Amino acid sequence: MKIKILNNLLTETVTINRKTSVKIEELIRKNYISSNSGEYSDKEINGLISNKTADNIYNFMRNGLSVIVCQEDKVIGFGMIVRKENLYEAKYLNVDPDFKGQGIGKKICDLREEALRDMGIRELYIESLRFKNTLNFHTSRGFYDIPNIRELHFTNYMKKDL
């Protein structure tokens, strides 16, 4: 297993490979579908996935901090941090269903949070899908629900003090 950290939060210095963003898009699609145990209808899941395109992921990666976990040539884990105005948001924490339970998600989160602490950032926000296991994971990592900063229909807004 290989872990890559690409940090473009402050300035775009790391070149992003478009092929990687295609693999991440495939990972997100697979993970969303396998994680849904009735929280969302098929139409809602497809709607949630529809904007997770390789192009959108690529553009976020150009200005964010990305953690990519690979097994040989396959992306099996991915998570990132983006800056929205003065807030830092965790996005796209996804682990291939075949590799869940091996600590990959925890490692991605640890690396993201360590990078923010090194930058002097003390708060991290996340807009979390309402999958039961996902919410439990975020809560176990110290996130707590806060009032939404915008209208949310399918997600919970959460915060963690770093």
Foldseek 3Di string as FASTA:
>chain_A
DDKDKQACQPHQDDDDDLVVLQLLLVQLLQQLVVLDPPLDDPVVSCVVSVVSHSVVSNVQSRNWIKMFDDDVPHTFFIKIWHDDPPAIEIDSTGGRPVPPPVCPSVVRVVVRVVVCVVVVHFKYKYWAFPRPVRVVVVVVVAWDFDDDPDDDDGTTIIMHGD
